[in-house]
Amino acid sequence: MGDVPVIFITAFPERLLTGDRPEPAFLISKPFQPAMVSAVASQALFFQRNSRSRPKAAAS
């Protein structure tokens, strides 16, 4: 199974951005515009596709 990008939409981003791992890769703070959600979704899918097509480095 492949990884699915997750986009968090929240009114409280400070609860997610703690400095601990894992932090969300995609975060939208409320209030937001629909165009922002569309742009972030496109970006998330772009990065997911590129990470799958890129050959993984050989383990040393």
C-alpha atoms as a PDB file:
ATOM      1  CA  MET A   1       0.000   0.000   0.000  1.00  0.00           C
ATOM      2  CA  GLY A   2       1.154   3.507  -0.732  1.00  0.00           C
ATOM      3  CA  ASP A   3       1.361   6.470   1.565  1.00  0.00           C
ATOM      4  CA  VAL A   4      -1.510   8.919   1.520  1.00  0.00           C
ATOM      5  CA  PRO A   5      -0.740  12.594   2.152  1.00  0.00           C
ATOM      6  CA  VAL A   6      -2.617  14.025   5.123  1.00  0.00           C
ATOM      7  CA  ILE A   7      -3.654  17.673   5.287  1.00  0.00           C
ATOM      8  CA  PHE A   8      -4.612  19.040   8.687  1.00  0.00           C
ATOM      9  CA  ILE A   9      -7.131  21.896   8.824  1.00  0.00           C
ATOM     10  CA  THR A  10      -7.306  23.355  12.304  1.00  0.00           C
ATOM     11  CA  ALA A  11      -8.062  26.461  14.299  1.00  0.00           C
ATOM     12  CA  PHE A  12      -5.283  25.484  16.720  1.00  0.00           C
ATOM     13  CA  PRO A  13      -2.063  24.913  14.731  1.00  0.00           C
ATOM     14  CA  GLU A  14       0.099  25.372  17.827  1.00  0.00           C
ATOM     15  CA  ARG A  15      -1.229  22.048  19.124  1.00  0.00           C
ATOM     16  CA  LEU A  16       0.196  20.266  16.077  1.00  0.00           C
ATOM     17  CA  LEU A  17       3.451  22.220  15.697  1.00  0.00           C
ATOM     18  CA  THR A  18       5.238  21.014  18.806  1.00  0.00           C
ATOM     19  CA  GLY A  19       8.701  20.297  17.413  1.00  0.00           C
ATOM     20  CA  ASP A  20       8.213  16.590  18.089  1.00  0.00           C
ATOM     21  CA  ARG A  21       8.240  14.087  15.254  1.00  0.00           C
ATOM     22  CA  PRO A  22       6.205  13.453  13.303  1.00  0.00           C
ATOM     23  CA  GLU A  23       4.862  16.909  12.568  1.00  0.00           C
ATOM     24  CA  PRO A  24       2.236  17.386   9.876  1.00  0.00           C
ATOM     25  CA  ALA A  25       3.686  18.047   6.447  1.00  0.00           C
ATOM     26  CA  PHE A  26       0.621  19.985   5.343  1.00  0.00           C
ATOM     27  CA  LEU A  27      -1.239  22.294   7.688  1.00  0.00           C
ATOM     28  CA  ILE A  28      -3.927  24.878   6.975  1.00  0.00           C
ATOM     29  CA  SER A  29      -5.057  27.274   9.695  1.00  0.00           C
ATOM     30  CA  LYS A  30      -8.638  28.440   9.982  1.00  0.00           C
ATOM     31  CA  PRO A  31     -10.032  30.662   8.610  1.00  0.00           C
ATOM     32  CA  PHE A  32      -9.014  29.529   5.142  1.00  0.00           C
ATOM     33  CA  GLN A  33     -10.021  30.087   1.547  1.00  0.00           C
ATOM     34  CA  PRO A  34     -11.134  27.168  -0.670  1.00  0.00           C
ATOM     35  CA  ALA A  35      -8.353  28.077  -3.115  1.00  0.00           C
ATOM     36  CA  MET A  36      -5.795  27.465  -0.339  1.00  0.00           C
ATOM     37  CA  VAL A  37      -7.132  23.944   0.260  1.00  0.00           C
ATOM     38  CA  SER A  38      -6.961  23.229  -3.470  1.00  0.00           C
ATOM     39  CA  ALA A  39      -3.392  24.526  -3.724  1.00  0.00           C
ATOM     40  CA  VAL A  40      -2.179  22.555  -0.704  1.00  0.00           C
ATOM     41  CA  ALA A  41      -3.888  19.369  -1.958  1.00  0.00           C
ATOM     42  CA  SER A  42      -2.176  19.782  -5.334  1.00  0.00           C
ATOM     43  CA  GLN A  43       1.167  20.326  -3.619  1.00  0.00           C
ATOM     44  CA  ALA A  44       0.712  17.272  -1.376  1.00  0.00           C
ATOM     45  CA  LEU A  45      -0.102  15.055  -4.357  1.00  0.00           C
ATOM     46  CA  PHE A  46       2.845  16.468  -6.326  1.00  0.00           C
ATOM     47  CA  PHE A  47       5.317  15.663  -3.545  1.00  0.00           C
ATOM     48  CA  GLN A  48       3.795  12.214  -3.036  1.00  0.00           C
ATOM     49  CA  ARG A  49       4.117  11.351  -6.734  1.00  0.00           C
ATOM     50  CA  ASN A  50       7.711  12.619  -6.863  1.00  0.00           C
ATOM     51  CA  SER A  51       8.754  10.686  -3.776  1.00  0.00           C
ATOM     52  CA  ARG A  52       7.349   7.455  -5.238  1.00  0.00           C
ATOM     53  CA  SER A  53       9.052   7.888  -8.618  1.00  0.00           C
ATOM     54  CA  ARG A  54      12.450   8.797  -7.128  1.00  0.00           C
ATOM     55  CA  PRO A  55      14.707   5.757  -6.646  1.00  0.00           C
ATOM     56  CA  LYS A  56      15.592   5.122  -3.016  1.00  0.00           C
ATOM     57  CA  ALA A  57      19.249   5.394  -2.005  1.00  0.00           C
ATOM     58  CA  ALA A  58      21.033   2.128  -1.322  1.00  0.00           C
ATOM     59  CA  ALA A  59      21.434   1.303   2.346  1.00  0.00           C
ATOM     60  CA  SER A  60      25.032   1.414   3.546  1.00  0.00           C
END
